[in-house]
């Protein structure tokens, strides 16, 4: 059984994606940025963007029937790897005790130049 979770963003239908998808006990959260109602959040602040993103991811996982403790993997894309400590500190605020497998890589750019961070997450619910 499949459950699609929508954020309500208008581009979900245009592009054809969901904020998150749950199949069985597996939840995948799409690349998530610091955008709310078409407005960029935390412009110029990688830490603030990461906190905002992880709150959005948490909300999607909860809506899909999981919890943050079910996260087993995060993938973090940053436009400036020199900001890794701010991004990492924000990630640690959510995952210090959970410790999912995590990757952080620098990319040349994201969909909007004001966006510094994009994060994907995978959660597997316990039986």
PDB file of N, CA and C in Angstrom:
ATOM      1  N   UNK A   1       0.838  -1.174   0.000  1.00  0.00           N
ATOM      2  CA  UNK A   1       0.000   0.000   0.000  1.00  0.00           C
ATOM      3  C   UNK A   1       0.890   1.247   0.000  1.00  0.00           C
ATOM      4  N   UNK A   2       0.525   2.225  -0.789  1.00  0.00           N
ATOM      5  CA  UNK A   2       1.304   3.448  -0.962  1.00  0.00           C
ATOM      6  C   UNK A   2       0.514   4.639  -0.429  1.00  0.00           C
ATOM      7  N   UNK A   3       1.222   5.524   0.291  1.00  0.00           N
ATOM      8  CA  UNK A   3       0.619   6.758   0.795  1.00  0.00           C
ATOM      9  C   UNK A   3       1.521   7.914   0.387  1.00  0.00           C
ATOM     10  N   UNK A   4       0.984   8.835  -0.415  1.00  0.00           N
ATOM     11  CA  UNK A   4       1.718  10.029  -0.811  1.00  0.00           C
ATOM     12  C   UNK A   4       1.399  11.157   0.161  1.00  0.00           C
ATOM     13  N   UNK A   5       2.417  11.868   0.588  1.00  0.00           N
ATOM     14  CA  UNK A   5       2.277  13.009   1.485  1.00  0.00           C
ATOM     15  C   UNK A   5       2.584  14.263   0.680  1.00  0.00           C
ATOM     16  N   UNK A   6       1.659  15.194   0.658  1.00  0.00           N
ATOM     17  CA  UNK A   6       1.845  16.438  -0.086  1.00  0.00           C
ATOM     18  C   UNK A   6       2.153  17.582   0.865  1.00  0.00           C
ATOM     19  N   UNK A   7       2.990  18.494   0.412  1.00  0.00           N
ATOM     20  CA  UNK A   7       3.234  19.715   1.195  1.00  0.00           C
ATOM     21  C   UNK A   7       2.251  20.806   0.785  1.00  0.00           C
ATOM     22  N   UNK A   8       1.535  20.581  -0.319  1.00  0.00           N
ATOM     23  CA  UNK A   8       0.609  21.579  -0.822  1.00  0.00           C
ATOM     24  C   UNK A   8       1.247  22.570  -1.783  1.00  0.00           C
ATOM     25  N   UNK A   9       2.537  22.398  -2.051  1.00  0.00           N
ATOM     26  CA  UNK A   9       3.227  23.305  -2.972  1.00  0.00           C
ATOM     27  C   UNK A   9       2.663  23.124  -4.380  1.00  0.00           C
ATOM     28  N   UNK A  10       2.429  24.210  -5.109  1.00  0.00           N
ATOM     29  CA  UNK A  10       1.835  24.100  -6.444  1.00  0.00           C
ATOM     30  C   UNK A  10       2.711  23.334  -7.432  1.00  0.00           C
ATOM     31  N   UNK A  11       4.008  23.347  -7.239  1.00  0.00           N
ATOM     32  CA  UNK A  11       4.898  22.682  -8.195  1.00  0.00           C
ATOM     33  C   UNK A  11       4.925  21.169  -8.029  1.00  0.00           C
ATOM     34  N   UNK A  12       4.298  20.624  -6.967  1.00  0.00           N
ATOM     35  CA  UNK A  12       4.232  19.172  -6.837  1.00  0.00           C
ATOM     36  C   UNK A  12       3.474  18.559  -8.011  1.00  0.00           C
ATOM     37  N   UNK A  13       2.362  19.168  -8.403  1.00  0.00           N
ATOM     38  CA  UNK A  13       1.600  18.653  -9.540  1.00  0.00           C
ATOM     39  C   UNK A  13       2.300  18.942 -10.864  1.00  0.00           C
ATOM     40  N   UNK A  14       2.930  20.097 -10.970  1.00  0.00           N
ATOM     41  CA  UNK A  14       3.628  20.464 -12.204  1.00  0.00           C
ATOM     42  C   UNK A  14       4.780  19.498 -12.472  1.00  0.00           C
ATOM     43  N   UNK A  15       5.589  19.243 -11.447  1.00  0.00           N
ATOM     44  CA  UNK A  15       6.772  18.389 -11.589  1.00  0.00           C
ATOM     45  C   UNK A  15       6.405  16.914 -11.457  1.00  0.00           C
ATOM     46  N   UNK A  16       5.359  16.632 -10.675  1.00  0.00           N
ATOM     47  CA  UNK A  16       4.928  15.251 -10.478  1.00  0.00           C
ATOM     48  C   UNK A  16       5.701  14.562  -9.373  1.00  0.00           C
ATOM     49  N   UNK A  17       5.656  15.115  -8.169  1.00  0.00           N
ATOM     50  CA  UNK A  17       6.332  14.489  -7.028  1.00  0.00           C
ATOM     51  C   UNK A  17       5.528  14.736  -5.763  1.00  0.00           C
ATOM     52  N   UNK A  18       5.919  14.023  -4.703  1.00  0.00           N
ATOM     53  CA  UNK A  18       5.317  14.179  -3.379  1.00  0.00           C
ATOM     54  C   UNK A  18       6.396  14.599  -2.395  1.00  0.00           C
ATOM     55  N   UNK A  19       6.004  15.292  -1.342  1.00  0.00           N
ATOM     56  CA  UNK A  19       6.960  15.639  -0.279  1.00  0.00           C
ATOM     57  C   UNK A  19       7.544  14.374   0.310  1.00  0.00           C
ATOM     58  N   UNK A  20       6.690  13.374   0.503  1.00  0.00           N
ATOM     59  CA  UNK A  20       7.142  12.087   1.036  1.00  0.00           C
ATOM     60  C   UNK A  20       6.239  10.994   0.488  1.00  0.00           C
ATOM     61  N   UNK A  21       6.767   9.782   0.479  1.00  0.00           N
ATOM     62  CA  UNK A  21       6.009   8.613   0.055  1.00  0.00           C
ATOM     63  C   UNK A  21       6.273   7.492   1.054  1.00  0.00           C
ATOM     64  N   UNK A  22       5.189   6.871   1.525  1.00  0.00           N
ATOM     65  CA  UNK A  22       5.321   5.708   2.395  1.00  0.00           C
ATOM     66  C   UNK A  22       4.819   4.490   1.656  1.00  0.00           C
ATOM     67  N   UNK A  23       5.639   3.466   1.638  1.00  0.00           N
ATOM     68  CA  UNK A  23       5.265   2.158   1.111  1.00  0.00           C
ATOM     69  C   UNK A  23       5.646   1.151   2.187  1.00  0.00           C
ATOM     70  N   UNK A  24       4.634   0.467   2.732  1.00  0.00           N
ATOM     71  CA  UNK A  24       4.902  -0.452   3.833  1.00  0.00           C
ATOM     72  C   UNK A  24       5.491   0.303   5.017  1.00  0.00           C
ATOM     73  N   UNK A  25       6.632  -0.156   5.506  1.00  0.00           N
ATOM     74  CA  UNK A  25       7.261   0.500   6.650  1.00  0.00           C
ATOM     75  C   UNK A  25       8.396   1.438   6.232  1.00  0.00           C
ATOM     76  N   UNK A  26       8.434   1.785   4.964  1.00  0.00           N
ATOM     77  CA  UNK A  26       9.516   2.598   4.394  1.00  0.00           C
ATOM     78  C   UNK A  26       8.971   3.973   3.995  1.00  0.00           C
ATOM     79  N   UNK A  27       9.638   5.036   4.455  1.00  0.00           N
ATOM     80  CA  UNK A  27       9.252   6.406   4.094  1.00  0.00           C
ATOM     81  C   UNK A  27      10.439   7.085   3.434  1.00  0.00           C
ATOM     82  N   UNK A  28      10.205   7.648   2.256  1.00  0.00           N
ATOM     83  CA  UNK A  28      11.216   8.446   1.563  1.00  0.00           C
ATOM     84  C   UNK A  28      10.727   9.890   1.529  1.00  0.00           C
ATOM     85  N   UNK A  29      11.581  10.819   1.956  1.00  0.00           N
ATOM     86  CA  UNK A  29      11.246  12.236   1.917  1.00  0.00           C
ATOM     87  C   UNK A  29      12.069  12.884   0.812  1.00  0.00           C
ATOM     88  N   UNK A  30      11.385  13.584  -0.079  1.00  0.00           N
ATOM     89  CA  UNK A  30      12.020  14.225  -1.227  1.00  0.00           C
ATOM     90  C   UNK A  30      12.984  15.312  -0.772  1.00  0.00           C
ATOM     91  N   UNK A  31      13.843  15.726  -1.687  1.00  0.00           N
ATOM     92  CA  UNK A  31      14.722  16.851  -1.427  1.00  0.00           C
ATOM     93  C   UNK A  31      13.905  18.020  -0.908  1.00  0.00           C
ATOM     94  N   UNK A  32      14.294  18.537   0.238  1.00  0.00           N
ATOM     95  CA  UNK A  32      13.517  19.557   0.936  1.00  0.00           C
ATOM     96  C   UNK A  32      14.380  20.795   1.140  1.00  0.00           C
ATOM     97  N   UNK A  33      13.822  21.951   0.815  1.00  0.00           N
ATOM     98  CA  UNK A  33      14.536  23.215   0.977  1.00  0.00           C
ATOM     99  C   UNK A  33      13.769  24.119   1.938  1.00  0.00           C
ATOM    100  N   UNK A  34      14.358  25.253   2.254  1.00  0.00           N
ATOM    101  CA  UNK A  34      13.772  26.199   3.200  1.00  0.00           C
ATOM    102  C   UNK A  34      12.864  27.189   2.475  1.00  0.00           C
ATOM    103  N   UNK A  35      11.744  26.672   1.984  1.00  0.00           N
ATOM    104  CA  UNK A  35      10.754  27.499   1.299  1.00  0.00           C
ATOM    105  C   UNK A  35       9.400  27.236   1.949  1.00  0.00           C
ATOM    106  N   UNK A  36       8.693  28.308   2.251  1.00  0.00           N
ATOM    107  CA  UNK A  36       7.361  28.204   2.837  1.00  0.00           C
ATOM    108  C   UNK A  36       6.458  29.198   2.139  1.00  0.00           C
ATOM    109  N   UNK A  37       5.362  28.714   1.555  1.00  0.00           N
ATOM    110  CA  UNK A  37       4.411  29.573   0.835  1.00  0.00           C
ATOM    111  C   UNK A  37       5.113  30.448  -0.204  1.00  0.00           C
ATOM    112  N   UNK A  38       6.066  29.862  -0.899  1.00  0.00           N
ATOM    113  CA  UNK A  38       6.779  30.567  -1.958  1.00  0.00           C
ATOM    114  C   UNK A  38       7.860  31.518  -1.479  1.00  0.00           C
ATOM    115  N   UNK A  39       8.071  31.602  -0.172  1.00  0.00           N
ATOM    116  CA  UNK A  39       9.079  32.506   0.384  1.00  0.00           C
ATOM    117  C   UNK A  39      10.284  31.718   0.890  1.00  0.00           C
ATOM    118  N   UNK A  40      11.478  32.178   0.538  1.00  0.00           N
ATOM    119  CA  UNK A  40      12.697  31.555   1.039  1.00  0.00           C
ATOM    120  C   UNK A  40      12.895  31.951   2.501  1.00  0.00           C
ATOM    121  N   UNK A  41      13.233  30.977   3.327  1.00  0.00           N
ATOM    122  CA  UNK A  41      13.431  31.170   4.760  1.00  0.00           C
ATOM    123  C   UNK A  41      14.932  31.152   5.056  1.00  0.00           C
ATOM    124  N   UNK A  42      15.375  32.018   5.950  1.00  0.00           N
ATOM    125  CA  UNK A  42      16.771  31.994   6.393  1.00  0.00           C
ATOM    126  C   UNK A  42      17.763  32.370   5.308  1.00  0.00           C
ATOM    127  N   UNK A  43      17.432  33.323   4.486  1.00  0.00           N
ATOM    128  CA  UNK A  43      18.315  33.724   3.382  1.00  0.00           C
ATOM    129  C   UNK A  43      19.689  34.097   3.940  1.00  0.00           C
ATOM    130  N   UNK A  44      20.723  33.470   3.387  1.00  0.00           N
ATOM    131  CA  UNK A  44      22.090  33.741   3.804  1.00  0.00           C
ATOM    132  C   UNK A  44      22.526  33.008   5.062  1.00  0.00           C
ATOM    133  N   UNK A  45      21.672  32.177   5.638  1.00  0.00           N
ATOM    134  CA  UNK A  45      21.949  31.507   6.912  1.00  0.00           C
ATOM    135  C   UNK A  45      21.734  30.000   6.773  1.00  0.00           C
ATOM    136  N   UNK A  46      22.823  29.273   6.549  1.00  0.00           N
ATOM    137  CA  UNK A  46      22.741  27.826   6.335  1.00  0.00           C
ATOM    138  C   UNK A  46      22.190  27.103   7.563  1.00  0.00           C
ATOM    139  N   UNK A  47      22.530  27.569   8.756  1.00  0.00           N
ATOM    140  CA  UNK A  47      22.027  26.946   9.983  1.00  0.00           C
ATOM    141  C   UNK A  47      20.500  27.087  10.053  1.00  0.00           C
ATOM    142  N   UNK A  48      20.001  28.306   9.867  1.00  0.00           N
ATOM    143  CA  UNK A  48      18.556  28.537   9.930  1.00  0.00           C
ATOM    144  C   UNK A  48      17.824  27.744   8.859  1.00  0.00           C
ATOM    145  N   UNK A  49      18.383  27.680   7.656  1.00  0.00           N
ATOM    146  CA  UNK A  49      17.742  26.903   6.595  1.00  0.00           C
ATOM    147  C   UNK A  49      17.685  25.429   6.969  1.00  0.00           C
ATOM    148  N   UNK A  50      18.767  24.908   7.536  1.00  0.00           N
ATOM    149  CA  UNK A  50      18.802  23.487   7.894  1.00  0.00           C
ATOM    150  C   UNK A  50      17.779  23.173   8.979  1.00  0.00           C
ATOM    151  N   UNK A  51      17.682  24.013   9.992  1.00  0.00           N
ATOM    152  CA  UNK A  51      16.681  23.805  11.049  1.00  0.00           C
ATOM    153  C   UNK A  51      15.281  23.790  10.444  1.00  0.00           C
ATOM    154  N   UNK A  52      14.980  24.756   9.588  1.00  0.00           N
ATOM    155  CA  UNK A  52      13.664  24.838   8.957  1.00  0.00           C
ATOM    156  C   UNK A  52      13.378  23.583   8.132  1.00  0.00           C
ATOM    157  N   UNK A  53      14.364  23.158   7.350  1.00  0.00           N
ATOM    158  CA  UNK A  53      14.218  21.968   6.504  1.00  0.00           C
ATOM    159  C   UNK A  53      13.939  20.736   7.346  1.00  0.00           C
ATOM    160  N   UNK A  54      14.699  20.546   8.410  1.00  0.00           N
ATOM    161  CA  UNK A  54      14.523  19.349   9.230  1.00  0.00           C
ATOM    162  C   UNK A  54      13.175  19.346   9.941  1.00  0.00           C
ATOM    163  N   UNK A  55      12.656  20.519  10.273  1.00  0.00           N
ATOM    164  CA  UNK A  55      11.288  20.586  10.825  1.00  0.00           C
ATOM    165  C   UNK A  55      10.271  20.142   9.774  1.00  0.00           C
ATOM    166  N   UNK A  56      10.470  20.574   8.514  1.00  0.00           N
ATOM    167  CA  UNK A  56       9.569  20.152   7.433  1.00  0.00           C
ATOM    168  C   UNK A  56       9.642  18.641   7.218  1.00  0.00           C
ATOM    169  N   UNK A  57      10.850  18.110   7.262  1.00  0.00           N
ATOM    170  CA  UNK A  57      11.032  16.665   7.087  1.00  0.00           C
ATOM    171  C   UNK A  57      10.355  15.912   8.223  1.00  0.00           C
ATOM    172  N   UNK A  58      10.562  16.378   9.442  1.00  0.00           N
ATOM    173  CA  UNK A  58       9.928  15.742  10.606  1.00  0.00           C
ATOM    174  C   UNK A  58       8.409  15.732  10.448  1.00  0.00           C
ATOM    175  N   UNK A  59       7.844  16.856  10.037  1.00  0.00           N
ATOM    176  CA  UNK A  59       6.390  16.960   9.856  1.00  0.00           C
ATOM    177  C   UNK A  59       5.906  15.942   8.821  1.00  0.00           C
ATOM    178  N   UNK A  60       6.622  15.799   7.709  1.00  0.00           N
ATOM    179  CA  UNK A  60       6.226  14.851   6.661  1.00  0.00           C
ATOM    180  C   UNK A  60       6.298  13.413   7.166  1.00  0.00           C
ATOM    181  N   UNK A  61       7.341  13.096   7.922  1.00  0.00           N
ATOM    182  CA  UNK A  61       7.490  11.737   8.455  1.00  0.00           C
ATOM    183  C   UNK A  61       6.374  11.424   9.440  1.00  0.00           C
ATOM    184  N   UNK A  62       6.047  12.381  10.296  1.00  0.00           N
ATOM    185  CA  UNK A  62       4.953  12.180  11.255  1.00  0.00           C
ATOM    186  C   UNK A  62       3.630  12.000  10.508  1.00  0.00           C
ATOM    187  N   UNK A  63       3.398  12.811   9.484  1.00  0.00           N
ATOM    188  CA  UNK A  63       2.169  12.673   8.701  1.00  0.00           C
ATOM    189  C   UNK A  63       2.084  11.312   8.018  1.00  0.00           C
ATOM    190  N   UNK A  64       3.238  10.746   7.683  1.00  0.00           N
ATOM    191  CA  UNK A  64       3.279   9.427   7.052  1.00  0.00           C
ATOM    192  C   UNK A  64       3.176   8.293   8.071  1.00  0.00           C
ATOM    193  N   UNK A  65       3.123   8.638   9.367  1.00  0.00           N
ATOM    194  CA  UNK A  65       2.955   7.619  10.400  1.00  0.00           C
ATOM    195  C   UNK A  65       4.238   7.233  11.103  1.00  0.00           C
ATOM    196  N   UNK A  66       5.311   7.962  10.875  1.00  0.00           N
ATOM    197  CA  UNK A  66       6.579   7.655  11.514  1.00  0.00           C
ATOM    198  C   UNK A  66       6.961   8.708  12.531  1.00  0.00           C
ATOM    199  N   UNK A  67       8.195   8.618  12.951  1.00  0.00           N
ATOM    200  CA  UNK A  67       8.763   9.608  13.858  1.00  0.00           C
ATOM    201  C   UNK A  67      10.219   9.818  13.496  1.00  0.00           C
ATOM    202  N   UNK A  68      10.813  10.880  13.994  1.00  0.00           N
ATOM    203  CA  UNK A  68      12.191  11.213  13.641  1.00  0.00           C
ATOM    204  C   UNK A  68      13.147  10.064  13.974  1.00  0.00           C
ATOM    205  N   UNK A  69      12.853   9.333  15.026  1.00  0.00           N
ATOM    206  CA  UNK A  69      13.710   8.213  15.433  1.00  0.00           C
ATOM    207  C   UNK A  69      13.744   7.096  14.398  1.00  0.00           C
ATOM    208  N   UNK A  70      12.819   7.104  13.439  1.00  0.00           N
ATOM    209  CA  UNK A  70      12.793   6.097  12.382  1.00  0.00           C
ATOM    210  C   UNK A  70      13.737   6.428  11.234  1.00  0.00           C
ATOM    211  N   UNK A  71      14.316   7.630  11.237  1.00  0.00           N
ATOM    212  CA  UNK A  71      15.208   8.047  10.147  1.00  0.00           C
ATOM    213  C   UNK A  71      16.497   7.233  10.207  1.00  0.00           C
ATOM    214  N   UNK A  72      16.823   6.606   9.079  1.00  0.00           N
ATOM    215  CA  UNK A  72      18.045   5.802   8.987  1.00  0.00           C
ATOM    216  C   UNK A  72      19.075   6.426   8.053  1.00  0.00           C
ATOM    217  N   UNK A  73      18.666   7.449   7.269  1.00  0.00           N
ATOM    218  CA  UNK A  73      19.568   8.029   6.281  1.00  0.00           C
ATOM    219  C   UNK A  73      19.174   9.456   5.983  1.00  0.00           C
ATOM    220  N   UNK A  74      20.159  10.349   5.939  1.00  0.00           N
ATOM    221  CA  UNK A  74      19.944  11.696   5.427  1.00  0.00           C
ATOM    222  C   UNK A  74      20.987  11.981   4.363  1.00  0.00           C
ATOM    223  N   UNK A  75      20.572  12.752   3.378  1.00  0.00           N
ATOM    224  CA  UNK A  75      21.483  13.214   2.323  1.00  0.00           C
ATOM    225  C   UNK A  75      21.386  14.723   2.290  1.00  0.00           C
ATOM    226  N   UNK A  76      22.511  15.378   2.505  1.00  0.00           N
ATOM    227  CA  UNK A  76      22.532  16.835   2.635  1.00  0.00           C
ATOM    228  C   UNK A  76      23.328  17.408   1.468  1.00  0.00           C
ATOM    229  N   UNK A  77      22.691  18.318   0.746  1.00  0.00           N
ATOM    230  CA  UNK A  77      23.331  18.989  -0.382  1.00  0.00           C
ATOM    231  C   UNK A  77      23.513  20.451  -0.001  1.00  0.00           C
ATOM    232  N   UNK A  78      24.743  20.946  -0.089  1.00  0.00           N
ATOM    233  CA  UNK A  78      25.034  22.337   0.263  1.00  0.00           C
ATOM    234  C   UNK A  78      25.708  23.016  -0.920  1.00  0.00           C
ATOM    235  N   UNK A  79      25.486  24.318  -1.040  1.00  0.00           N
ATOM    236  CA  UNK A  79      26.115  25.056  -2.135  1.00  0.00           C
ATOM    237  C   UNK A  79      27.483  25.600  -1.742  1.00  0.00           C
ATOM    238  N   UNK A  80      27.821  25.527  -0.459  1.00  0.00           N
ATOM    239  CA  UNK A  80      29.125  25.992   0.019  1.00  0.00           C
ATOM    240  C   UNK A  80      29.567  25.086   1.161  1.00  0.00           C
ATOM    241  N   UNK A  81      30.455  24.151   0.862  1.00  0.00           N
ATOM    242  CA  UNK A  81      30.869  23.149   1.849  1.00  0.00           C
ATOM    243  C   UNK A  81      31.596  23.780   3.031  1.00  0.00           C
ATOM    244  N   UNK A  82      32.088  25.012   2.875  1.00  0.00           N
ATOM    245  CA  UNK A  82      32.749  25.662   4.009  1.00  0.00           C
ATOM    246  C   UNK A  82      31.756  25.953   5.141  1.00  0.00           C
ATOM    247  N   UNK A  83      30.461  25.858   4.870  1.00  0.00           N
ATOM    248  CA  UNK A  83      29.432  26.059   5.894  1.00  0.00           C
ATOM    249  C   UNK A  83      29.007  24.742   6.551  1.00  0.00           C
ATOM    250  N   UNK A  84      29.800  23.700   6.347  1.00  0.00           N
ATOM    251  CA  UNK A  84      29.441  22.372   6.846  1.00  0.00           C
ATOM    252  C   UNK A  84      29.227  22.346   8.353  1.00  0.00           C
ATOM    253  N   UNK A  85      29.969  23.138   9.106  1.00  0.00           N
ATOM    254  CA  UNK A  85      29.821  23.101  10.562  1.00  0.00           C
ATOM    255  C   UNK A  85      28.453  23.631  10.997  1.00  0.00           C
ATOM    256  N   UNK A  86      27.979  24.712  10.386  1.00  0.00           N
ATOM    257  CA  UNK A  86      26.653  25.241  10.720  1.00  0.00           C
ATOM    258  C   UNK A  86      25.569  24.240  10.349  1.00  0.00           C
ATOM    259  N   UNK A  87      25.692  23.662   9.176  1.00  0.00           N
ATOM    260  CA  UNK A  87      24.718  22.668   8.723  1.00  0.00           C
ATOM    261  C   UNK A  87      24.777  21.437   9.630  1.00  0.00           C
ATOM    262  N   UNK A  88      25.981  20.989   9.937  1.00  0.00           N
ATOM    263  CA  UNK A  88      26.161  19.828  10.802  1.00  0.00           C
ATOM    264  C   UNK A  88      25.626  20.055  12.211  1.00  0.00           C
ATOM    265  N   UNK A  89      25.829  21.248  12.744  1.00  0.00           N
ATOM    266  CA  UNK A  89      25.324  21.575  14.077  1.00  0.00           C
ATOM    267  C   UNK A  89      23.802  21.526  14.101  1.00  0.00           C
ATOM    268  N   UNK A  90      23.167  22.042  13.061  1.00  0.00           N
ATOM    269  CA  UNK A  90      21.701  21.987  12.969  1.00  0.00           C
ATOM    270  C   UNK A  90      21.228  20.543  12.834  1.00  0.00           C
ATOM    271  N   UNK A  91      21.912  19.759  12.006  1.00  0.00           N
ATOM    272  CA  UNK A  91      21.582  18.339  11.844  1.00  0.00           C
ATOM    273  C   UNK A  91      21.706  17.623  13.186  1.00  0.00           C
ATOM    274  N   UNK A  92      22.761  17.933  13.911  1.00  0.00           N
ATOM    275  CA  UNK A  92      22.978  17.321  15.221  1.00  0.00           C
ATOM    276  C   UNK A  92      21.900  17.677  16.233  1.00  0.00           C
ATOM    277  N   UNK A  93      21.297  18.855  16.093  1.00  0.00           N
ATOM    278  CA  UNK A  93      20.224  19.245  17.003  1.00  0.00           C
ATOM    279  C   UNK A  93      19.034  18.294  16.896  1.00  0.00           C
ATOM    280  N   UNK A  94      18.847  17.686  15.732  1.00  0.00           N
ATOM    281  CA  UNK A  94      17.754  16.735  15.522  1.00  0.00           C
ATOM    282  C   UNK A  94      18.206  15.284  15.689  1.00  0.00           C
ATOM    283  N   UNK A  95      19.444  14.996  15.314  1.00  0.00           N
ATOM    284  CA  UNK A  95      19.861  13.601  15.176  1.00  0.00           C
ATOM    285  C   UNK A  95      21.024  13.177  16.066  1.00  0.00           C
ATOM    286  N   UNK A  96      21.373  13.988  17.061  1.00  0.00           N
ATOM    287  CA  UNK A  96      22.520  13.675  17.922  1.00  0.00           C
ATOM    288  C   UNK A  96      22.433  12.269  18.511  1.00  0.00           C
ATOM    289  N   UNK A  97      21.256  11.875  18.963  1.00  0.00           N
ATOM    290  CA  UNK A  97      21.096  10.560  19.589  1.00  0.00           C
ATOM    291  C   UNK A  97      20.599   9.492  18.621  1.00  0.00           C
ATOM    292  N   UNK A  98      20.026   9.906  17.506  1.00  0.00           N
ATOM    293  CA  UNK A  98      19.488   8.950  16.527  1.00  0.00           C
ATOM    294  C   UNK A  98      20.610   8.437  15.635  1.00  0.00           C
ATOM    295  N   UNK A  99      21.473   9.332  15.203  1.00  0.00           N
ATOM    296  CA  UNK A  99      22.650   9.023  14.396  1.00  0.00           C
ATOM    297  C   UNK A  99      22.366   8.206  13.125  1.00  0.00           C
ATOM    298  N   UNK A 100      21.552   8.756  12.215  1.00  0.00           N
ATOM    299  CA  UNK A 100      21.347   8.053  10.939  1.00  0.00           C
ATOM    300  C   UNK A 100      22.628   8.098  10.112  1.00  0.00           C
ATOM    301  N   UNK A 101      22.726   7.220   9.138  1.00  0.00           N
ATOM    302  CA  UNK A 101      23.798   7.340   8.151  1.00  0.00           C
ATOM    303  C   UNK A 101      23.564   8.670   7.441  1.00  0.00           C
ATOM    304  N   UNK A 102      24.625   9.432   7.217  1.00  0.00           N
ATOM    305  CA  UNK A 102      24.444  10.765   6.641  1.00  0.00           C
ATOM    306  C   UNK A 102      25.537  11.053   5.623  1.00  0.00           C
ATOM    307  N   UNK A 103      25.164  11.795   4.613  1.00  0.00           N
ATOM    308  CA  UNK A 103      26.095  12.251   3.587  1.00  0.00           C
ATOM    309  C   UNK A 103      25.887  13.742   3.407  1.00  0.00           C
ATOM    310  N   UNK A 104      26.996  14.477   3.266  1.00  0.00           N
ATOM    311  CA  UNK A 104      26.915  15.901   2.940  1.00  0.00           C
ATOM    312  C   UNK A 104      27.849  16.147   1.768  1.00  0.00           C
ATOM    313  N   UNK A 105      27.302  16.713   0.705  1.00  0.00           N
ATOM    314  CA  UNK A 105      28.107  17.010  -0.477  1.00  0.00           C
ATOM    315  C   UNK A 105      27.826  18.425  -0.954  1.00  0.00           C
ATOM    316  N   UNK A 106      28.821  19.022  -1.584  1.00  0.00           N
ATOM    317  CA  UNK A 106      28.646  20.334  -2.183  1.00  0.00           C
ATOM    318  C   UNK A 106      28.154  20.160  -3.611  1.00  0.00           C
ATOM    319  N   UNK A 107      27.189  20.981  -3.975  1.00  0.00           N
ATOM    320  CA  UNK A 107      26.655  21.008  -5.331  1.00  0.00           C
ATOM    321  C   UNK A 107      26.854  22.407  -5.900  1.00  0.00           C
ATOM    322  N   UNK A 108      26.836  22.526  -7.214  1.00  0.00           N
ATOM    323  CA  UNK A 108      27.110  23.824  -7.819  1.00  0.00           C
ATOM    324  C   UNK A 108      26.000  24.841  -7.567  1.00  0.00           C
ATOM    325  N   UNK A 109      24.761  24.367  -7.498  1.00  0.00           N
ATOM    326  CA  UNK A 109      23.656  25.264  -7.155  1.00  0.00           C
ATOM    327  C   UNK A 109      22.389  24.459  -6.921  1.00  0.00           C
ATOM    328  N   UNK A 110      21.420  25.128  -6.280  1.00  0.00           N
ATOM    329  CA  UNK A 110      20.100  24.555  -6.079  1.00  0.00           C
ATOM    330  C   UNK A 110      19.122  25.317  -6.964  1.00  0.00           C
ATOM    331  N   UNK A 111      17.837  25.028  -6.853  1.00  0.00           N
ATOM    332  CA  UNK A 111      16.846  25.586  -7.769  1.00  0.00           C
ATOM    333  C   UNK A 111      16.700  27.106  -7.648  1.00  0.00           C
ATOM    334  N   UNK A 112      17.120  27.667  -6.520  1.00  0.00           N
ATOM    335  CA  UNK A 112      17.082  29.123  -6.297  1.00  0.00           C
ATOM    336  C   UNK A 112      18.410  29.504  -5.650  1.00  0.00           C
ATOM    337  N   UNK A 113      19.029  30.565  -6.112  1.00  0.00           N
ATOM    338  CA  UNK A 113      20.348  30.954  -5.612  1.00  0.00           C
ATOM    339  C   UNK A 113      20.361  31.321  -4.129  1.00  0.00           C
ATOM    340  N   UNK A 114      19.209  31.663  -3.555  1.00  0.00           N
ATOM    341  CA  UNK A 114      19.153  31.984  -2.128  1.00  0.00           C
ATOM    342  C   UNK A 114      19.122  30.734  -1.250  1.00  0.00           C
ATOM    343  N   UNK A 115      18.857  29.580  -1.855  1.00  0.00           N
ATOM    344  CA  UNK A 115      18.798  28.335  -1.101  1.00  0.00           C
ATOM    345  C   UNK A 115      20.198  27.752  -0.985  1.00  0.00           C
ATOM    346  N   UNK A 116      20.610  27.486   0.240  1.00  0.00           N
ATOM    347  CA  UNK A 116      21.963  27.012   0.527  1.00  0.00           C
ATOM    348  C   UNK A 116      22.016  25.525   0.829  1.00  0.00           C
ATOM    349  N   UNK A 117      20.874  24.941   1.210  1.00  0.00           N
ATOM    350  CA  UNK A 117      20.820  23.566   1.709  1.00  0.00           C
ATOM    351  C   UNK A 117      19.582  22.867   1.154  1.00  0.00           C
ATOM    352  N   UNK A 118      19.742  21.599   0.801  1.00  0.00           N
ATOM    353  CA  UNK A 118      18.613  20.737   0.462  1.00  0.00           C
ATOM    354  C   UNK A 118      18.885  19.385   1.111  1.00  0.00           C
ATOM    355  N   UNK A 119      17.860  18.787   1.712  1.00  0.00           N
ATOM    356  CA  UNK A 119      18.044  17.533   2.439  1.00  0.00           C
ATOM    357  C   UNK A 119      16.971  16.526   2.038  1.00  0.00           C
ATOM    358  N   UNK A 120      17.400  15.275   1.861  1.00  0.00           N
ATOM    359  CA  UNK A 120      16.509  14.125   1.658  1.00  0.00           C
ATOM    360  C   UNK A 120      16.622  13.239   2.901  1.00  0.00           C
ATOM    361  N   UNK A 121      15.589  12.466   3.176  1.00  0.00           N
ATOM    362  CA  UNK A 121      15.644  11.551   4.314  1.00  0.00           C
ATOM    363  C   UNK A 121      14.932  10.240   3.977  1.00  0.00           C
ATOM    364  N   UNK A 122      15.422   9.181   4.596  1.00  0.00           N
ATOM    365  CA  UNK A 122      14.816   7.863   4.507  1.00  0.00           C
ATOM    366  C   UNK A 122      14.511   7.397   5.918  1.00  0.00           C
ATOM    367  N   UNK A 123      13.288   6.916   6.130  1.00  0.00           N
ATOM    368  CA  UNK A 123      12.902   6.370   7.432  1.00  0.00           C
ATOM    369  C   UNK A 123      12.361   4.968   7.231  1.00  0.00           C
ATOM    370  N   UNK A 124      12.689   4.105   8.167  1.00  0.00           N
ATOM    371  CA  UNK A 124      12.150   2.740   8.171  1.00  0.00           C
ATOM    372  C   UNK A 124      11.519   2.522   9.530  1.00  0.00           C
ATOM    373  N   UNK A 125      10.206   2.254   9.521  1.00  0.00           N
ATOM    374  CA  UNK A 125       9.474   2.075  10.758  1.00  0.00           C
ATOM    375  C   UNK A 125       9.713   0.680  11.323  1.00  0.00           C
ATOM    376  N   UNK A 126       9.807   0.596  12.626  1.00  0.00           N
ATOM    377  CA  UNK A 126       9.976  -0.692  13.284  1.00  0.00           C
ATOM    378  C   UNK A 126       8.707  -1.516  13.124  1.00  0.00           C
ATOM    379  N   UNK A 127       8.857  -2.809  13.121  1.00  0.00           N
ATOM    380  CA  UNK A 127       7.686  -3.697  13.004  1.00  0.00           C
ATOM    381  C   UNK A 127       6.852  -3.673  14.243  1.00  0.00           C
TER     382      UNK A 127
END
